[in-house]
Amino acid sequence: MNENAITSYREPTEAEIQHTAYLLWLESGRAEGRDVENWLAAKELLRHHHAPAAGHKHRVFSPIPPPIPAAPPRKVNPKM
């Protein structure tokens, strides 16, 4: 493989950006009026996360946590 070849990588998805922006918002103490700033910071953070590290063939540990899972459906007690 050519070492000078351009390596392509995928752009972060909107869901990934949204999740990361939410985490940044929480980390900032839920500061109001910074939604665009958090969105752009999340997008930039994820772009660096998805980009291949120079000279590395393996993925580097990510400080970005996995997405928050959806809550399971609540069970209704039929004996009321």
PDB file of N, CA and C in Angstrom:
ATOM      1  N   MET A   1       0.834  -1.185   0.000  1.00  0.00           N
ATOM      2  CA  MET A   1       0.000   0.000   0.000  1.00  0.00           C
ATOM      3  C   MET A   1       0.876   1.245   0.000  1.00  0.00           C
ATOM      4  N   ASN A   2       0.476   2.236  -0.723  1.00  0.00           N
ATOM      5  CA  ASN A   2       1.215   3.477  -0.830  1.00  0.00           C
ATOM      6  C   ASN A   2       1.077   4.281   0.454  1.00  0.00           C
ATOM      7  N   GLU A   3       2.192   4.610   1.088  1.00  0.00           N
ATOM      8  CA  GLU A   3       2.172   5.362   2.344  1.00  0.00           C
ATOM      9  C   GLU A   3       1.680   6.788   2.141  1.00  0.00           C
ATOM     10  N   ASN A   4       1.783   7.320   0.920  1.00  0.00           N
ATOM     11  CA  ASN A   4       1.361   8.687   0.639  1.00  0.00           C
ATOM     12  C   ASN A   4      -0.098   8.773   0.203  1.00  0.00           C
ATOM     13  N   ALA A   5      -0.778   7.650   0.160  1.00  0.00           N
ATOM     14  CA  ALA A   5      -2.177   7.651  -0.267  1.00  0.00           C
ATOM     15  C   ALA A   5      -3.032   8.396   0.742  1.00  0.00           C
ATOM     16  N   ILE A   6      -4.055   9.078   0.243  1.00  0.00           N
ATOM     17  CA  ILE A   6      -4.975   9.810   1.108  1.00  0.00           C
ATOM     18  C   ILE A   6      -5.950   8.808   1.710  1.00  0.00           C
ATOM     19  N   THR A   7      -6.043   8.813   3.017  1.00  0.00           N
ATOM     20  CA  THR A   7      -6.953   7.919   3.716  1.00  0.00           C
ATOM     21  C   THR A   7      -8.270   8.643   3.925  1.00  0.00           C
ATOM     22  N   SER A   8      -9.348   8.008   3.513  1.00  0.00           N
ATOM     23  CA  SER A   8     -10.645   8.642   3.711  1.00  0.00           C
ATOM     24  C   SER A   8     -11.233   8.184   5.036  1.00  0.00           C
ATOM     25  N   TYR A   9     -12.067   8.990   5.591  1.00  0.00           N
ATOM     26  CA  TYR A   9     -12.765   8.661   6.819  1.00  0.00           C
ATOM     27  C   TYR A   9     -14.155   9.263   6.746  1.00  0.00           C
ATOM     28  N   ARG A  10     -15.051   8.704   7.545  1.00  0.00           N
ATOM     29  CA  ARG A  10     -16.421   9.163   7.473  1.00  0.00           C
ATOM     30  C   ARG A  10     -16.651  10.372   8.357  1.00  0.00           C
ATOM     31  N   GLU A  11     -17.584  11.184   7.950  1.00  0.00           N
ATOM     32  CA  GLU A  11     -18.005  12.331   8.757  1.00  0.00           C
ATOM     33  C   GLU A  11     -18.870  11.812   9.902  1.00  0.00           C
ATOM     34  N   PRO A  12     -18.884  12.513  11.037  1.00  0.00           N
ATOM     35  CA  PRO A  12     -19.762  12.094  12.127  1.00  0.00           C
ATOM     36  C   PRO A  12     -21.226  12.244  11.731  1.00  0.00           C
ATOM     37  N   THR A  13     -22.064  11.369  12.239  1.00  0.00           N
ATOM     38  CA  THR A  13     -23.491  11.450  11.932  1.00  0.00           C
ATOM     39  C   THR A  13     -24.129  12.548  12.778  1.00  0.00           C
ATOM     40  N   GLU A  14     -25.315  12.960  12.373  1.00  0.00           N
ATOM     41  CA  GLU A  14     -26.038  13.986  13.129  1.00  0.00           C
ATOM     42  C   GLU A  14     -26.344  13.500  14.543  1.00  0.00           C
ATOM     43  N   ALA A  15     -26.671  12.212  14.673  1.00  0.00           N
ATOM     44  CA  ALA A  15     -26.954  11.643  16.004  1.00  0.00           C
ATOM     45  C   ALA A  15     -25.711  11.680  16.884  1.00  0.00           C
ATOM     46  N   GLU A  16     -24.547  11.396  16.321  1.00  0.00           N
ATOM     47  CA  GLU A  16     -23.300  11.452  17.098  1.00  0.00           C
ATOM     48  C   GLU A  16     -23.003  12.881  17.544  1.00  0.00           C
ATOM     49  N   ILE A  17     -23.214  13.829  16.633  1.00  0.00           N
ATOM     50  CA  ILE A  17     -22.977  15.234  16.967  1.00  0.00           C
ATOM     51  C   ILE A  17     -23.949  15.673  18.059  1.00  0.00           C
ATOM     52  N   GLN A  18     -25.209  15.301  17.909  1.00  0.00           N
ATOM     53  CA  GLN A  18     -26.225  15.677  18.884  1.00  0.00           C
ATOM     54  C   GLN A  18     -25.875  15.123  20.271  1.00  0.00           C
ATOM     55  N   HIS A  19     -25.488  13.869  20.319  1.00  0.00           N
ATOM     56  CA  HIS A  19     -25.156  13.232  21.591  1.00  0.00           C
ATOM     57  C   HIS A  19     -23.946  13.900  22.238  1.00  0.00           C
ATOM     58  N   THR A  20     -22.920  14.160  21.450  1.00  0.00           N
ATOM     59  CA  THR A  20     -21.710  14.778  21.973  1.00  0.00           C
ATOM     60  C   THR A  20     -21.975  16.216  22.402  1.00  0.00           C
ATOM     61  N   ALA A  21     -22.791  16.954  21.640  1.00  0.00           N
ATOM     62  CA  ALA A  21     -23.154  18.320  22.026  1.00  0.00           C
ATOM     63  C   ALA A  21     -23.922  18.307  23.344  1.00  0.00           C
ATOM     64  N   TYR A  22     -24.779  17.317  23.520  1.00  0.00           N
ATOM     65  CA  TYR A  22     -25.520  17.170  24.776  1.00  0.00           C
ATOM     66  C   TYR A  22     -24.562  16.939  25.939  1.00  0.00           C
ATOM     67  N   LEU A  23     -23.573  16.077  25.738  1.00  0.00           N
ATOM     68  CA  LEU A  23     -22.599  15.809  26.789  1.00  0.00           C
ATOM     69  C   LEU A  23     -21.778  17.060  27.112  1.00  0.00           C
ATOM     70  N   LEU A  24     -21.439  17.829  26.088  1.00  0.00           N
ATOM     71  CA  LEU A  24     -20.712  19.082  26.318  1.00  0.00           C
ATOM     72  C   LEU A  24     -21.582  20.070  27.096  1.00  0.00           C
ATOM     73  N   TRP A  25     -22.871  20.097  26.781  1.00  0.00           N
ATOM     74  CA  TRP A  25     -23.811  20.968  27.484  1.00  0.00           C
ATOM     75  C   TRP A  25     -23.887  20.573  28.963  1.00  0.00           C
ATOM     76  N   LEU A  26     -23.972  19.264  29.226  1.00  0.00           N
ATOM     77  CA  LEU A  26     -23.999  18.795  30.609  1.00  0.00           C
ATOM     78  C   LEU A  26     -22.701  19.157  31.327  1.00  0.00           C
ATOM     79  N   GLU A  27     -21.591  18.958  30.621  1.00  0.00           N
ATOM     80  CA  GLU A  27     -20.274  19.227  31.196  1.00  0.00           C
ATOM     81  C   GLU A  27     -20.100  20.707  31.531  1.00  0.00           C
ATOM     82  N   SER A  28     -20.759  21.581  30.774  1.00  0.00           N
ATOM     83  CA  SER A  28     -20.639  23.026  31.000  1.00  0.00           C
ATOM     84  C   SER A  28     -21.598  23.521  32.076  1.00  0.00           C
ATOM     85  N   GLY A  29     -22.298  22.603  32.733  1.00  0.00           N
ATOM     86  CA  GLY A  29     -23.247  23.001  33.769  1.00  0.00           C
ATOM     87  C   GLY A  29     -24.585  23.426  33.204  1.00  0.00           C
ATOM     88  N   ARG A  30     -24.914  22.911  32.023  1.00  0.00           N
ATOM     89  CA  ARG A  30     -26.189  23.204  31.349  1.00  0.00           C
ATOM     90  C   ARG A  30     -26.359  24.691  31.060  1.00  0.00           C
ATOM     91  N   ALA A  31     -25.262  25.307  30.615  1.00  0.00           N
ATOM     92  CA  ALA A  31     -25.278  26.732  30.293  1.00  0.00           C
ATOM     93  C   ALA A  31     -26.216  27.001  29.123  1.00  0.00           C
ATOM     94  N   GLU A  32     -27.082  27.984  29.300  1.00  0.00           N
ATOM     95  CA  GLU A  32     -28.047  28.345  28.251  1.00  0.00           C
ATOM     96  C   GLU A  32     -27.388  29.226  27.198  1.00  0.00           C
ATOM     97  N   GLY A  33     -27.932  29.161  25.975  1.00  0.00           N
ATOM     98  CA  GLY A  33     -27.472  30.029  24.904  1.00  0.00           C
ATOM     99  C   GLY A  33     -26.178  29.609  24.233  1.00  0.00           C
ATOM    100  N   ARG A  34     -25.723  28.397  24.484  1.00  0.00           N
ATOM    101  CA  ARG A  34     -24.472  27.937  23.882  1.00  0.00           C
ATOM    102  C   ARG A  34     -24.696  26.734  22.985  1.00  0.00           C
ATOM    103  N   ASP A  35     -25.925  26.575  22.496  1.00  0.00           N
ATOM    104  CA  ASP A  35     -26.253  25.386  21.705  1.00  0.00           C
ATOM    105  C   ASP A  35     -25.445  25.309  20.421  1.00  0.00           C
ATOM    106  N   VAL A  36     -25.295  26.417  19.720  1.00  0.00           N
ATOM    107  CA  VAL A  36     -24.527  26.402  18.458  1.00  0.00           C
ATOM    108  C   VAL A  36     -23.052  26.152  18.757  1.00  0.00           C
ATOM    109  N   GLU A  37     -22.545  26.790  19.805  1.00  0.00           N
ATOM    110  CA  GLU A  37     -21.149  26.589  20.190  1.00  0.00           C
ATOM    111  C   GLU A  37     -20.891  25.120  20.547  1.00  0.00           C
ATOM    112  N   ASN A  38     -21.799  24.518  21.312  1.00  0.00           N
ATOM    113  CA  ASN A  38     -21.654  23.102  21.677  1.00  0.00           C
ATOM    114  C   ASN A  38     -21.743  22.207  20.448  1.00  0.00           C
ATOM    115  N   TRP A  39     -22.657  22.526  19.523  1.00  0.00           N
ATOM    116  CA  TRP A  39     -22.826  21.731  18.296  1.00  0.00           C
ATOM    117  C   TRP A  39     -21.539  21.756  17.469  1.00  0.00           C
ATOM    118  N   LEU A  40     -20.997  22.961  17.262  1.00  0.00           N
ATOM    119  CA  LEU A  40     -19.782  23.083  16.454  1.00  0.00           C
ATOM    120  C   LEU A  40     -18.585  22.423  17.137  1.00  0.00           C
ATOM    121  N   ALA A  41     -18.495  22.558  18.456  1.00  0.00           N
ATOM    122  CA  ALA A  41     -17.402  21.913  19.195  1.00  0.00           C
ATOM    123  C   ALA A  41     -17.523  20.399  19.108  1.00  0.00           C
ATOM    124  N   ALA A  42     -18.748  19.895  19.212  1.00  0.00           N
ATOM    125  CA  ALA A  42     -18.971  18.447  19.118  1.00  0.00           C
ATOM    126  C   ALA A  42     -18.591  17.937  17.737  1.00  0.00           C
ATOM    127  N   LYS A  43     -18.983  18.665  16.714  1.00  0.00           N
ATOM    128  CA  LYS A  43     -18.675  18.260  15.335  1.00  0.00           C
ATOM    129  C   LYS A  43     -17.169  18.210  15.115  1.00  0.00           C
ATOM    130  N   GLU A  44     -16.463  19.232  15.592  1.00  0.00           N
ATOM    131  CA  GLU A  44     -15.008  19.273  15.445  1.00  0.00           C
ATOM    132  C   GLU A  44     -14.342  18.151  16.239  1.00  0.00           C
ATOM    133  N   LEU A  45     -14.804  17.928  17.448  1.00  0.00           N
ATOM    134  CA  LEU A  45     -14.270  16.847  18.282  1.00  0.00           C
ATOM    135  C   LEU A  45     -14.443  15.495  17.601  1.00  0.00           C
ATOM    136  N   LEU A  46     -15.615  15.263  17.051  1.00  0.00           N
ATOM    137  CA  LEU A  46     -15.880  13.990  16.386  1.00  0.00           C
ATOM    138  C   LEU A  46     -15.099  13.851  15.082  1.00  0.00           C
ATOM    139  N   ARG A  47     -14.898  14.943  14.373  1.00  0.00           N
ATOM    140  CA  ARG A  47     -14.082  14.873  13.152  1.00  0.00           C
ATOM    141  C   ARG A  47     -12.671  14.415  13.483  1.00  0.00           C
ATOM    142  N   HIS A  48     -12.127  14.942  14.566  1.00  0.00           N
ATOM    143  CA  HIS A  48     -10.788  14.510  14.987  1.00  0.00           C
ATOM    144  C   HIS A  48     -10.815  13.070  15.461  1.00  0.00           C
ATOM    145  N   HIS A  49     -11.902  12.685  16.099  1.00  0.00           N
ATOM    146  CA  HIS A  49     -12.056  11.310  16.582  1.00  0.00           C
ATOM    147  C   HIS A  49     -12.118  10.319  15.418  1.00  0.00           C
ATOM    148  N   HIS A  50     -12.818  10.678  14.346  1.00  0.00           N
ATOM    149  CA  HIS A  50     -12.991   9.778  13.211  1.00  0.00           C
ATOM    150  C   HIS A  50     -11.793   9.787  12.259  1.00  0.00           C
ATOM    151  N   ALA A  51     -10.976  10.830  12.326  1.00  0.00           N
ATOM    152  CA  ALA A  51      -9.822  10.910  11.435  1.00  0.00           C
ATOM    153  C   ALA A  51      -8.763   9.905  11.871  1.00  0.00           C
ATOM    154  N   PRO A  52      -8.109   9.272  10.918  1.00  0.00           N
ATOM    155  CA  PRO A  52      -7.048   8.326  11.283  1.00  0.00           C
ATOM    156  C   PRO A  52      -5.874   9.068  11.916  1.00  0.00           C
ATOM    157  N   ALA A  53      -5.325   8.509  12.961  1.00  0.00           N
ATOM    158  CA  ALA A  53      -4.171   9.106  13.621  1.00  0.00           C
ATOM    159  C   ALA A  53      -2.950   8.940  12.725  1.00  0.00           C
ATOM    160  N   ALA A  54      -2.133   9.955  12.640  1.00  0.00           N
ATOM    161  CA  ALA A  54      -0.948   9.920  11.777  1.00  0.00           C
ATOM    162  C   ALA A  54      -0.010   8.806  12.227  1.00  0.00           C
ATOM    163  N   GLY A  55       0.305   7.919  11.320  1.00  0.00           N
ATOM    164  CA  GLY A  55       1.231   6.841  11.615  1.00  0.00           C
ATOM    165  C   GLY A  55       0.621   5.673  12.370  1.00  0.00           C
ATOM    166  N   HIS A  56      -0.668   5.730  12.682  1.00  0.00           N
ATOM    167  CA  HIS A  56      -1.322   4.653  13.422  1.00  0.00           C
ATOM    168  C   HIS A  56      -2.263   3.886  12.510  1.00  0.00           C
ATOM    169  N   LYS A  57      -2.216   2.578  12.619  1.00  0.00           N
ATOM    170  CA  LYS A  57      -3.123   1.739  11.839  1.00  0.00           C
ATOM    171  C   LYS A  57      -4.274   1.250  12.696  1.00  0.00           C
ATOM    172  N   HIS A  58      -4.174   1.413  14.017  1.00  0.00           N
ATOM    173  CA  HIS A  58      -5.211   0.960  14.919  1.00  0.00           C
ATOM    174  C   HIS A  58      -5.915   2.160  15.542  1.00  0.00           C
ATOM    175  N   ARG A  59      -7.148   1.961  15.874  1.00  0.00           N
ATOM    176  CA  ARG A  59      -7.955   3.019  16.477  1.00  0.00           C
ATOM    177  C   ARG A  59      -7.435   3.352  17.883  1.00  0.00           C
ATOM    178  N   VAL A  60      -7.359   4.609  18.177  1.00  0.00           N
ATOM    179  CA  VAL A  60      -6.912   5.092  19.467  1.00  0.00           C
ATOM    180  C   VAL A  60      -8.111   5.161  20.404  1.00  0.00           C
ATOM    181  N   PHE A  61      -7.889   4.952  21.704  1.00  0.00           N
ATOM    182  CA  PHE A  61      -8.964   5.016  22.689  1.00  0.00           C
ATOM    183  C   PHE A  61      -9.709   6.330  22.563  1.00  0.00           C
ATOM    184  N   SER A  62     -11.018   6.261  22.639  1.00  0.00           N
ATOM    185  CA  SER A  62     -11.864   7.433  22.501  1.00  0.00           C
ATOM    186  C   SER A  62     -12.395   7.891  23.852  1.00  0.00           C
ATOM    187  N   PRO A  63     -12.297   9.192  24.145  1.00  0.00           N
ATOM    188  CA  PRO A  63     -12.883   9.698  25.379  1.00  0.00           C
ATOM    189  C   PRO A  63     -14.383   9.924  25.251  1.00  0.00           C
ATOM    190  N   ILE A  64     -14.937   9.692  24.076  1.00  0.00           N
ATOM    191  CA  ILE A  64     -16.358   9.915  23.840  1.00  0.00           C
ATOM    192  C   ILE A  64     -17.129   8.669  24.268  1.00  0.00           C
ATOM    193  N   PRO A  65     -18.049   8.810  25.206  1.00  0.00           N
ATOM    194  CA  PRO A  65     -18.810   7.654  25.672  1.00  0.00           C
ATOM    195  C   PRO A  65     -19.807   7.175  24.631  1.00  0.00           C
ATOM    196  N   PRO A  66     -20.293   5.945  24.786  1.00  0.00           N
ATOM    197  CA  PRO A  66     -21.281   5.434  23.829  1.00  0.00           C
ATOM    198  C   PRO A  66     -22.604   6.186  23.981  1.00  0.00           C
ATOM    199  N   PRO A  67     -23.479   6.099  22.981  1.00  0.00           N
ATOM    200  CA  PRO A  67     -24.774   6.780  23.059  1.00  0.00           C
ATOM    201  C   PRO A  67     -25.594   6.314  24.258  1.00  0.00           C
ATOM    202  N   ILE A  68     -26.446   7.195  24.740  1.00  0.00           N
ATOM    203  CA  ILE A  68     -27.318   6.871  25.860  1.00  0.00           C
ATOM    204  C   ILE A  68     -28.411   5.935  25.351  1.00  0.00           C
ATOM    205  N   PRO A  69     -28.571   4.753  25.974  1.00  0.00           N
ATOM    206  CA  PRO A  69     -29.595   3.818  25.498  1.00  0.00           C
ATOM    207  C   PRO A  69     -30.999   4.315  25.839  1.00  0.00           C
ATOM    208  N   ALA A  70     -31.952   3.910  25.030  1.00  0.00           N
ATOM    209  CA  ALA A  70     -33.346   4.253  25.284  1.00  0.00           C
ATOM    210  C   ALA A  70     -33.832   3.490  26.509  1.00  0.00           C
ATOM    211  N   ALA A  71     -34.736   4.090  27.252  1.00  0.00           N
ATOM    212  CA  ALA A  71     -35.280   3.436  28.441  1.00  0.00           C
ATOM    213  C   ALA A  71     -36.146   2.260  28.016  1.00  0.00           C
ATOM    214  N   PRO A  72     -36.061   1.131  28.747  1.00  0.00           N
ATOM    215  CA  PRO A  72     -36.904  -0.016  28.383  1.00  0.00           C
ATOM    216  C   PRO A  72     -38.373   0.305  28.677  1.00  0.00           C
ATOM    217  N   PRO A  73     -39.289  -0.353  27.993  1.00  0.00           N
ATOM    218  CA  PRO A  73     -40.703  -0.093  28.240  1.00  0.00           C
ATOM    219  C   PRO A  73     -41.075  -0.476  29.673  1.00  0.00           C
ATOM    220  N   ARG A  74     -41.963   0.309  30.247  1.00  0.00           N
ATOM    221  CA  ARG A  74     -42.383   0.047  31.611  1.00  0.00           C
ATOM    222  C   ARG A  74     -43.442  -1.055  31.623  1.00  0.00           C
ATOM    223  N   LYS A  75     -43.342  -1.926  32.608  1.00  0.00           N
ATOM    224  CA  LYS A  75     -44.325  -3.002  32.754  1.00  0.00           C
ATOM    225  C   LYS A  75     -45.470  -2.490  33.617  1.00  0.00           C
ATOM    226  N   VAL A  76     -46.657  -2.796  33.189  1.00  0.00           N
ATOM    227  CA  VAL A  76     -47.836  -2.357  33.920  1.00  0.00           C
ATOM    228  C   VAL A  76     -48.314  -3.528  34.772  1.00  0.00           C
ATOM    229  N   ASN A  77     -48.580  -3.257  36.026  1.00  0.00           N
ATOM    230  CA  ASN A  77     -49.052  -4.279  36.934  1.00  0.00           C
ATOM    231  C   ASN A  77     -50.573  -4.430  36.753  1.00  0.00           C
ATOM    232  N   PRO A  78     -51.040  -5.556  36.220  1.00  0.00           N
ATOM    233  CA  PRO A  78     -52.479  -5.708  35.953  1.00  0.00           C
ATOM    234  C   PRO A  78     -53.297  -5.920  37.226  1.00  0.00           C
ATOM    235  N   LYS A  79     -52.657  -6.181  38.345  1.00  0.00           N
ATOM    236  CA  LYS A  79     -53.384  -6.443  39.596  1.00  0.00           C
ATOM    237  C   LYS A  79     -53.490  -5.165  40.420  1.00  0.00           C
ATOM    238  N   MET A  80     -54.313  -4.270  40.047  1.00  0.00           N
ATOM    239  CA  MET A  80     -54.480  -3.027  40.806  1.00  0.00           C
ATOM    240  C   MET A  80     -55.804  -2.943  41.412  1.00  0.00           C
TER     241      MET A  80
END
